[in-house]
Amino acid sequence: MFERDRKSLSLYCFPCAGGSANSFLRWRTSLPPWIRIRPVELPGRGVKIREPLLRDFDAVVENLTQELVRESSDRCVFFGHSLGALIAYRCVYALRARRKGEPMALIAACSAAPCRRRDERLARLKTDEDLIGELVRLNGTPPELFKSKELLRLALDTLAADFAVCSSFSFKKREKLSLDIVVLGGRDDMIEEDALSAWREETLGQTALLMFAGGHFFFNENENVFFARLISELDRTSRASCRCDCVNR
């Protein structure tokens, strides 16, 4: 398939706790034109800075689903990092309930499977010192942020709200999804491989677990390796979809 003949694919990117859509904008320079990056913004940050931060998981899903119903297409993949993977997963169910169908695939990075969530530790991170310690541990925050009182205050308030969102998630068994799920993990991250592998319990489709050198933000530490593998997975998904389209005609 020549590049000019390839059908485009929209990659909806859901950020981690404390993150924003801006973290995905630079991906556009590292991915081919047929992959259209569509960053998903949570309330209270970025272009939604005037909206109040939400602290309830279901409220976040409802807020984002209203936008996705208007925007998402049949040829899209959801990518979620950490909390973003969990939100993306539940948005798939919310879209299906609205008879919008499922994305072509879900890519879940550094996120334990919904049935293996253990977020009690996050609920105990209450003080600014606790939250700063968590930012340092995760090693994904630009050093200059810690030098600005205003930016740090904004980051801590956002992180506290997102940790409340994590803590409010409640798992219950649902009818399994049918899409493929690709799970990405960092070998130095605290999330164990069996908690990542458990994503296979959420779908009737195929699942794959890919481990990378690095921690919770491994894709920043090994960009070239990560982008090459991401492109490969999206290419596989796109070609499989094209074959299905031909068979169903």
C-alpha atoms as a PDB file:
ATOM      1  CA  MET A   1       0.000   0.000   0.000  1.00  0.00           C
ATOM      2  CA  PHE A   2       1.515   3.326  -1.034  1.00  0.00           C
ATOM      3  CA  GLU A   3       1.545   6.083   1.584  1.00  0.00           C
ATOM      4  CA  ARG A   4      -0.596   8.352  -0.575  1.00  0.00           C
ATOM      5  CA  ASP A   5      -3.231   5.623  -0.927  1.00  0.00           C
ATOM      6  CA  ARG A   6      -3.396   4.757   2.755  1.00  0.00           C
ATOM      7  CA  LYS A   7      -6.578   5.582   4.635  1.00  0.00           C
ATOM      8  CA  SER A   8      -6.032   7.953   7.519  1.00  0.00           C
ATOM      9  CA  LEU A   9      -6.537   6.831  11.092  1.00  0.00           C
ATOM     10  CA  SER A  10      -7.367   9.055  14.071  1.00  0.00           C
ATOM     11  CA  LEU A  11      -5.418   8.358  17.268  1.00  0.00           C
ATOM     12  CA  TYR A  12      -7.306   9.738  20.261  1.00  0.00           C
ATOM     13  CA  CYS A  13      -4.817  10.263  23.086  1.00  0.00           C
ATOM     14  CA  PHE A  14      -5.955  10.303  26.736  1.00  0.00           C
ATOM     15  CA  PRO A  15      -3.408  11.787  29.191  1.00  0.00           C
ATOM     16  CA  CYS A  16      -2.251  10.444  32.536  1.00  0.00           C
ATOM     17  CA  ALA A  17      -3.207  11.867  35.927  1.00  0.00           C
ATOM     18  CA  GLY A  18      -2.051  15.461  36.120  1.00  0.00           C
ATOM     19  CA  GLY A  19      -1.414  15.548  32.377  1.00  0.00           C
ATOM     20  CA  SER A  20      -2.994  17.447  29.514  1.00  0.00           C
ATOM     21  CA  ALA A  21      -3.546  17.169  25.794  1.00  0.00           C
ATOM     22  CA  ASN A  22      -0.451  19.300  25.170  1.00  0.00           C
ATOM     23  CA  SER A  23       1.818  16.358  25.959  1.00  0.00           C
ATOM     24  CA  PHE A  24       0.705  14.651  22.743  1.00  0.00           C
ATOM     25  CA  LEU A  25       0.958  17.585  20.345  1.00  0.00           C
ATOM     26  CA  ARG A  26       4.639  17.025  19.572  1.00  0.00           C
ATOM     27  CA  TRP A  27       3.870  13.454  18.502  1.00  0.00           C
ATOM     28  CA  ARG A  28       2.599  14.917  15.243  1.00  0.00           C
ATOM     29  CA  THR A  29       6.174  15.583  14.120  1.00  0.00           C
ATOM     30  CA  SER A  30       7.248  11.984  14.801  1.00  0.00           C
ATOM     31  CA  LEU A  31       4.352  10.087  13.215  1.00  0.00           C
ATOM     32  CA  PRO A  32       3.429   9.779   9.518  1.00  0.00           C
ATOM     33  CA  PRO A  33       0.627  11.946   8.087  1.00  0.00           C
ATOM     34  CA  TRP A  34      -1.846   9.053   7.873  1.00  0.00           C
ATOM     35  CA  ILE A  35      -1.907   8.938  11.696  1.00  0.00           C
ATOM     36  CA  ARG A  36      -3.947  11.911  12.859  1.00  0.00           C
ATOM     37  CA  ILE A  37      -3.223  12.776  16.497  1.00  0.00           C
ATOM     38  CA  ARG A  38      -6.380  13.835  18.346  1.00  0.00           C
ATOM     39  CA  PRO A  39      -5.421  14.792  21.917  1.00  0.00           C
ATOM     40  CA  VAL A  40      -8.242  14.453  24.441  1.00  0.00           C
ATOM     41  CA  GLU A  41      -8.415  17.262  27.004  1.00  0.00           C
ATOM     42  CA  LEU A  42      -9.863  16.772  30.463  1.00  0.00           C
ATOM     43  CA  PRO A  43     -11.684  19.670  32.162  1.00  0.00           C
ATOM     44  CA  GLY A  44      -9.614  22.195  34.103  1.00  0.00           C
ATOM     45  CA  ARG A  45      -6.523  22.301  31.893  1.00  0.00           C
ATOM     46  CA  GLY A  46      -5.343  23.433  28.462  1.00  0.00           C
ATOM     47  CA  VAL A  47      -8.182  24.708  26.288  1.00  0.00           C
ATOM     48  CA  LYS A  48     -10.584  23.729  29.099  1.00  0.00           C
ATOM     49  CA  ILE A  49      -8.744  25.674  31.797  1.00  0.00           C
ATOM     50  CA  ARG A  50     -11.892  27.670  32.643  1.00  0.00           C
ATOM     51  CA  GLU A  51     -13.880  24.511  33.334  1.00  0.00           C
ATOM     52  CA  PRO A  52     -13.828  23.164  36.894  1.00  0.00           C
ATOM     53  CA  LEU A  53     -11.651  20.156  37.637  1.00  0.00           C
ATOM     54  CA  LEU A  54     -13.686  16.991  38.043  1.00  0.00           C
ATOM     55  CA  ARG A  55     -13.039  14.532  40.855  1.00  0.00           C
ATOM     56  CA  ASP A  56     -15.415  11.724  39.909  1.00  0.00           C
ATOM     57  CA  PHE A  57     -14.549   9.026  37.377  1.00  0.00           C
ATOM     58  CA  ASP A  58     -18.027   8.643  35.880  1.00  0.00           C
ATOM     59  CA  ALA A  59     -18.362  12.424  35.504  1.00  0.00           C
ATOM     60  CA  VAL A  60     -15.108  12.551  33.540  1.00  0.00           C
ATOM     61  CA  VAL A  61     -16.237   9.731  31.243  1.00  0.00           C
ATOM     62  CA  GLU A  62     -19.577  11.425  30.619  1.00  0.00           C
ATOM     63  CA  ASN A  63     -17.888  14.743  29.877  1.00  0.00           C
ATOM     64  CA  LEU A  64     -15.507  13.227  27.336  1.00  0.00           C
ATOM     65  CA  THR A  65     -18.070  10.916  25.765  1.00  0.00           C
ATOM     66  CA  GLN A  66     -20.263  13.871  24.829  1.00  0.00           C
ATOM     67  CA  GLU A  67     -17.363  15.199  22.754  1.00  0.00           C
ATOM     68  CA  LEU A  68     -16.361  11.828  21.312  1.00  0.00           C
ATOM     69  CA  VAL A  69     -19.899  11.164  20.120  1.00  0.00           C
ATOM     70  CA  ARG A  70     -19.589  14.237  17.915  1.00  0.00           C
ATOM     71  CA  GLU A  71     -16.000  13.682  16.806  1.00  0.00           C
ATOM     72  CA  SER A  72     -14.921  10.046  16.723  1.00  0.00           C
ATOM     73  CA  SER A  73     -14.995   8.115  13.460  1.00  0.00           C
ATOM     74  CA  ASP A  74     -15.030   4.445  12.503  1.00  0.00           C
ATOM     75  CA  ARG A  75     -11.303   4.552  11.719  1.00  0.00           C
ATOM     76  CA  CYS A  76      -9.925   5.506  15.099  1.00  0.00           C
ATOM     77  CA  VAL A  77      -7.803   4.024  17.860  1.00  0.00           C
ATOM     78  CA  PHE A  78      -7.803   5.071  21.514  1.00  0.00           C
ATOM     79  CA  PHE A  79      -4.441   5.499  23.247  1.00  0.00           C
ATOM     80  CA  GLY A  80      -4.442   6.027  26.986  1.00  0.00           C
ATOM     81  CA  HIS A  81      -1.554   6.552  29.379  1.00  0.00           C
ATOM     82  CA  SER A  82      -2.085   5.339  32.964  1.00  0.00           C
ATOM     83  CA  LEU A  83      -5.362   6.907  34.176  1.00  0.00           C
ATOM     84  CA  GLY A  84      -5.968   7.845  30.542  1.00  0.00           C
ATOM     85  CA  ALA A  85      -6.111   4.160  29.575  1.00  0.00           C
ATOM     86  CA  LEU A  86      -8.770   3.501  32.195  1.00  0.00           C
ATOM     87  CA  ILE A  87     -10.824   6.491  31.042  1.00  0.00           C
ATOM     88  CA  ALA A  88     -10.445   5.475  27.386  1.00  0.00           C
ATOM     89  CA  TYR A  89     -11.620   1.953  28.241  1.00  0.00           C
ATOM     90  CA  ARG A  90     -14.783   3.219  29.890  1.00  0.00           C
ATOM     91  CA  CYS A  91     -15.405   5.712  27.067  1.00  0.00           C
ATOM     92  CA  VAL A  92     -15.501   2.734  24.699  1.00  0.00           C
ATOM     93  CA  TYR A  93     -18.395   1.304  26.700  1.00  0.00           C
ATOM     94  CA  ALA A  94     -20.112   4.690  26.850  1.00  0.00           C
ATOM     95  CA  LEU A  95     -19.860   5.067  23.073  1.00  0.00           C
ATOM     96  CA  ARG A  96     -21.148   1.547  22.546  1.00  0.00           C
ATOM     97  CA  ALA A  97     -24.145   2.308  24.776  1.00  0.00           C
ATOM     98  CA  ARG A  98     -24.905   5.217  22.448  1.00  0.00           C
ATOM     99  CA  ARG A  99     -24.680   2.835  19.481  1.00  0.00           C
ATOM    100  CA  LYS A 100     -21.552   4.526  18.146  1.00  0.00           C
ATOM    101  CA  GLY A 101     -19.566   1.297  17.867  1.00  0.00           C
ATOM    102  CA  GLU A 102     -16.056   0.659  19.128  1.00  0.00           C
ATOM    103  CA  PRO A 103     -12.690   2.058  18.058  1.00  0.00           C
ATOM    104  CA  MET A 104     -10.527  -0.238  15.960  1.00  0.00           C
ATOM    105  CA  ALA A 105      -8.277  -0.883  18.959  1.00  0.00           C
ATOM    106  CA  LEU A 106      -7.337   0.317  22.435  1.00  0.00           C
ATOM    107  CA  ILE A 107      -3.702   0.917  23.365  1.00  0.00           C
ATOM    108  CA  ALA A 108      -3.242   0.951  27.138  1.00  0.00           C
ATOM    109  CA  ALA A 109       0.101   2.223  28.420  1.00  0.00           C
ATOM    110  CA  CYS A 110       1.339   1.780  31.999  1.00  0.00           C
ATOM    111  CA  SER A 111      -2.080   0.948  33.375  1.00  0.00           C
ATOM    112  CA  ALA A 112      -3.135  -2.085  35.376  1.00  0.00           C
ATOM    113  CA  ALA A 113      -6.178  -3.824  33.928  1.00  0.00           C
ATOM    114  CA  PRO A 114      -9.515  -2.577  35.315  1.00  0.00           C
ATOM    115  CA  CYS A 115      -9.982  -5.787  37.301  1.00  0.00           C
ATOM    116  CA  ARG A 116      -6.530  -5.365  38.869  1.00  0.00           C
ATOM    117  CA  ARG A 117      -6.712  -1.742  40.000  1.00  0.00           C
ATOM    118  CA  ARG A 118      -5.125  -0.992  43.368  1.00  0.00           C
ATOM    119  CA  ASP A 119      -5.582   2.744  43.898  1.00  0.00           C
ATOM    120  CA  GLU A 120      -5.758   2.867  47.693  1.00  0.00           C
ATOM    121  CA  ARG A 121      -2.227   4.329  47.773  1.00  0.00           C
ATOM    122  CA  LEU A 122      -3.323   7.320  45.688  1.00  0.00           C
ATOM    123  CA  ALA A 123      -6.095   8.145  48.144  1.00  0.00           C
ATOM    124  CA  ARG A 124      -3.448   8.546  50.847  1.00  0.00           C
ATOM    125  CA  LEU A 125      -1.537  11.206  48.895  1.00  0.00           C
ATOM    126  CA  LYS A 126      -3.192  14.244  50.466  1.00  0.00           C
ATOM    127  CA  THR A 127      -0.557  16.908  51.183  1.00  0.00           C
ATOM    128  CA  ASP A 128       1.425  18.990  48.705  1.00  0.00           C
ATOM    129  CA  GLU A 129       4.557  17.206  49.876  1.00  0.00           C
ATOM    130  CA  ASP A 130       2.958  13.833  49.091  1.00  0.00           C
ATOM    131  CA  LEU A 131       1.988  14.976  45.603  1.00  0.00           C
ATOM    132  CA  ILE A 132       5.385  16.505  44.867  1.00  0.00           C
ATOM    133  CA  GLY A 133       7.013  13.257  45.958  1.00  0.00           C
ATOM    134  CA  GLU A 134       4.810  11.359  43.524  1.00  0.00           C
ATOM    135  CA  LEU A 135       5.705  13.708  40.663  1.00  0.00           C
ATOM    136  CA  VAL A 136       9.391  13.194  41.402  1.00  0.00           C
ATOM    137  CA  ARG A 137       8.982   9.418  41.628  1.00  0.00           C
ATOM    138  CA  LEU A 138       7.199   9.178  38.274  1.00  0.00           C
ATOM    139  CA  ASN A 139       9.961  11.243  36.624  1.00  0.00           C
ATOM    140  CA  GLY A 140       7.725  12.732  33.948  1.00  0.00           C
ATOM    141  CA  THR A 141       7.511  16.367  35.081  1.00  0.00           C
ATOM    142  CA  PRO A 142       9.702  19.081  33.489  1.00  0.00           C
ATOM    143  CA  PRO A 143      12.182  20.364  36.128  1.00  0.00           C
ATOM    144  CA  GLU A 144      11.248  23.995  35.415  1.00  0.00           C
ATOM    145  CA  LEU A 145       7.724  23.389  36.734  1.00  0.00           C
ATOM    146  CA  PHE A 146       9.064  22.970  40.275  1.00  0.00           C
ATOM    147  CA  LYS A 147      10.684  26.431  40.037  1.00  0.00           C
ATOM    148  CA  SER A 148       7.392  28.260  39.431  1.00  0.00           C
ATOM    149  CA  LYS A 149       5.000  28.561  42.383  1.00  0.00           C
ATOM    150  CA  GLU A 150       2.031  29.299  40.105  1.00  0.00           C
ATOM    151  CA  LEU A 151       2.674  26.405  37.733  1.00  0.00           C
ATOM    152  CA  LEU A 152       3.398  24.024  40.590  1.00  0.00           C
ATOM    153  CA  ARG A 153       0.172  25.028  42.350  1.00  0.00           C
ATOM    154  CA  LEU A 154      -1.807  24.372  39.178  1.00  0.00           C
ATOM    155  CA  ALA A 155      -0.079  21.027  38.672  1.00  0.00           C
ATOM    156  CA  LEU A 156      -0.704  19.892  42.244  1.00  0.00           C
ATOM    157  CA  ASP A 157      -4.392  20.863  42.151  1.00  0.00           C
ATOM    158  CA  THR A 158      -4.816  19.009  38.868  1.00  0.00           C
ATOM    159  CA  LEU A 159      -2.977  15.944  40.150  1.00  0.00           C
ATOM    160  CA  ALA A 160      -5.027  15.851  43.355  1.00  0.00           C
ATOM    161  CA  ALA A 161      -8.266  15.990  41.350  1.00  0.00           C
ATOM    162  CA  ASP A 162      -7.109  13.243  39.002  1.00  0.00           C
ATOM    163  CA  PHE A 163      -6.059  11.001  41.885  1.00  0.00           C
ATOM    164  CA  ALA A 164      -9.569  11.468  43.276  1.00  0.00           C
ATOM    165  CA  VAL A 165     -10.879  10.374  39.869  1.00  0.00           C
ATOM    166  CA  CYS A 166      -8.692   7.247  40.070  1.00  0.00           C
ATOM    167  CA  SER A 167      -9.912   6.469  43.564  1.00  0.00           C
ATOM    168  CA  SER A 168     -13.566   6.838  42.567  1.00  0.00           C
ATOM    169  CA  PHE A 169     -13.296   4.194  39.821  1.00  0.00           C
ATOM    170  CA  SER A 170     -15.314   1.103  40.633  1.00  0.00           C
ATOM    171  CA  PHE A 171     -14.814  -2.089  38.653  1.00  0.00           C
ATOM    172  CA  LYS A 172     -17.714  -4.268  37.674  1.00  0.00           C
ATOM    173  CA  LYS A 173     -17.901  -7.041  35.122  1.00  0.00           C
ATOM    174  CA  ARG A 174     -19.437  -5.998  31.827  1.00  0.00           C
ATOM    175  CA  GLU A 175     -20.047  -7.627  28.486  1.00  0.00           C
ATOM    176  CA  LYS A 176     -16.604  -8.011  26.961  1.00  0.00           C
ATOM    177  CA  LEU A 177     -15.394  -5.664  24.270  1.00  0.00           C
ATOM    178  CA  SER A 178     -14.617  -6.989  20.803  1.00  0.00           C
ATOM    179  CA  LEU A 179     -11.715  -4.726  19.850  1.00  0.00           C
ATOM    180  CA  ASP A 180      -8.018  -5.608  20.027  1.00  0.00           C
ATOM    181  CA  ILE A 181      -6.096  -4.322  23.041  1.00  0.00           C
ATOM    182  CA  VAL A 182      -2.380  -3.585  22.935  1.00  0.00           C
ATOM    183  CA  VAL A 183      -0.831  -3.130  26.374  1.00  0.00           C
ATOM    184  CA  LEU A 184       2.430  -1.225  26.808  1.00  0.00           C
ATOM    185  CA  GLY A 185       4.570  -1.290  29.940  1.00  0.00           C
ATOM    186  CA  GLY A 186       7.868   0.030  31.249  1.00  0.00           C
ATOM    187  CA  ARG A 187      10.169  -2.565  32.789  1.00  0.00           C
ATOM    188  CA  ASP A 188      11.116  -0.139  35.572  1.00  0.00           C
ATOM    189  CA  ASP A 189       7.534   0.899  36.307  1.00  0.00           C
ATOM    190  CA  MET A 190       5.900  -0.291  39.539  1.00  0.00           C
ATOM    191  CA  ILE A 191       2.985  -1.902  37.657  1.00  0.00           C
ATOM    192  CA  GLU A 192       3.639  -5.639  37.450  1.00  0.00           C
ATOM    193  CA  GLU A 193       3.376  -7.561  34.191  1.00  0.00           C
ATOM    194  CA  ASP A 194       0.550  -9.801  35.390  1.00  0.00           C
ATOM    195  CA  ALA A 195      -1.549  -6.700  36.167  1.00  0.00           C
ATOM    196  CA  LEU A 196      -0.878  -5.492  32.621  1.00  0.00           C
ATOM    197  CA  SER A 197      -1.567  -8.893  31.064  1.00  0.00           C
ATOM    198  CA  ALA A 198      -4.973  -8.991  32.777  1.00  0.00           C
ATOM    199  CA  TRP A 199      -6.313  -6.612  30.104  1.00  0.00           C
ATOM    200  CA  ARG A 200      -6.949  -9.808  28.115  1.00  0.00           C
ATOM    201  CA  GLU A 201      -9.955 -10.404  30.377  1.00  0.00           C
ATOM    202  CA  GLU A 202     -11.676  -7.299  29.001  1.00  0.00           C
ATOM    203  CA  THR A 203     -12.066  -8.275  25.348  1.00  0.00           C
ATOM    204  CA  LEU A 204     -12.935 -11.042  22.930  1.00  0.00           C
ATOM    205  CA  GLY A 205     -10.413  -9.568  20.517  1.00  0.00           C
ATOM    206  CA  GLN A 206      -6.694 -10.158  20.404  1.00  0.00           C
ATOM    207  CA  THR A 207      -4.385  -8.781  23.098  1.00  0.00           C
ATOM    208  CA  ALA A 208      -0.655  -8.169  23.128  1.00  0.00           C
ATOM    209  CA  LEU A 209       1.731  -7.049  25.862  1.00  0.00           C
ATOM    210  CA  LEU A 210       4.791  -5.056  24.799  1.00  0.00           C
ATOM    211  CA  MET A 211       7.435  -4.160  27.388  1.00  0.00           C
ATOM    212  CA  PHE A 212       9.895  -1.303  26.948  1.00  0.00           C
ATOM    213  CA  ALA A 213      13.018  -0.157  28.757  1.00  0.00           C
ATOM    214  CA  GLY A 214      12.167   2.656  31.157  1.00  0.00           C
ATOM    215  CA  GLY A 215       9.594   3.601  33.739  1.00  0.00           C
ATOM    216  CA  HIS A 216       6.121   5.128  33.847  1.00  0.00           C
ATOM    217  CA  PHE A 217       7.050   7.549  31.055  1.00  0.00           C
ATOM    218  CA  PHE A 218       9.088   5.080  29.014  1.00  0.00           C
ATOM    219  CA  PHE A 219       7.911   6.615  25.728  1.00  0.00           C
ATOM    220  CA  ASN A 220       9.726   9.840  26.615  1.00  0.00           C
ATOM    221  CA  GLU A 221      12.888   7.959  27.527  1.00  0.00           C
ATOM    222  CA  ASN A 222      13.028   5.841  24.341  1.00  0.00           C
ATOM    223  CA  GLU A 223      11.106   7.856  21.775  1.00  0.00           C
ATOM    224  CA  ASN A 224      12.539   6.289  18.634  1.00  0.00           C
ATOM    225  CA  VAL A 225      11.841   2.730  19.777  1.00  0.00           C
ATOM    226  CA  PHE A 226       8.380   3.655  21.037  1.00  0.00           C
ATOM    227  CA  PHE A 227       7.278   5.526  17.906  1.00  0.00           C
ATOM    228  CA  ALA A 228       8.552   2.764  15.624  1.00  0.00           C
ATOM    229  CA  ARG A 229       6.519   0.176  17.533  1.00  0.00           C
ATOM    230  CA  LEU A 230       3.458   2.425  17.741  1.00  0.00           C
ATOM    231  CA  ILE A 231       3.511   2.978  13.979  1.00  0.00           C
ATOM    232  CA  SER A 232       3.879  -0.772  13.446  1.00  0.00           C
ATOM    233  CA  GLU A 233       0.880  -1.554  15.655  1.00  0.00           C
ATOM    234  CA  LEU A 234      -1.289   1.112  14.024  1.00  0.00           C
ATOM    235  CA  ASP A 235      -0.241  -0.101  10.576  1.00  0.00           C
ATOM    236  CA  ARG A 236      -1.266  -3.644  11.519  1.00  0.00           C
ATOM    237  CA  THR A 237      -4.604  -2.404  12.849  1.00  0.00           C
ATOM    238  CA  SER A 238      -5.228  -0.291   9.764  1.00  0.00           C
ATOM    239  CA  ARG A 239      -4.435  -3.113   7.334  1.00  0.00           C
ATOM    240  CA  ALA A 240      -6.632  -5.570   9.259  1.00  0.00           C
ATOM    241  CA  SER A 241      -9.501  -3.094   9.092  1.00  0.00           C
ATOM    242  CA  CYS A 242      -9.046  -2.634   5.355  1.00  0.00           C
ATOM    243  CA  ARG A 243      -9.154  -6.421   4.845  1.00  0.00           C
ATOM    244  CA  CYS A 244     -12.379  -6.629   6.854  1.00  0.00           C
ATOM    245  CA  ASP A 245     -13.900  -3.813   4.801  1.00  0.00           C
ATOM    246  CA  CYS A 246     -13.117  -5.707   1.609  1.00  0.00           C
ATOM    247  CA  VAL A 247     -14.573  -8.981   2.927  1.00  0.00           C
ATOM    248  CA  ASN A 248     -17.794  -7.281   4.088  1.00  0.00           C
ATOM    249  CA  ARG A 249     -18.502  -5.593   0.772  1.00  0.00           C
END
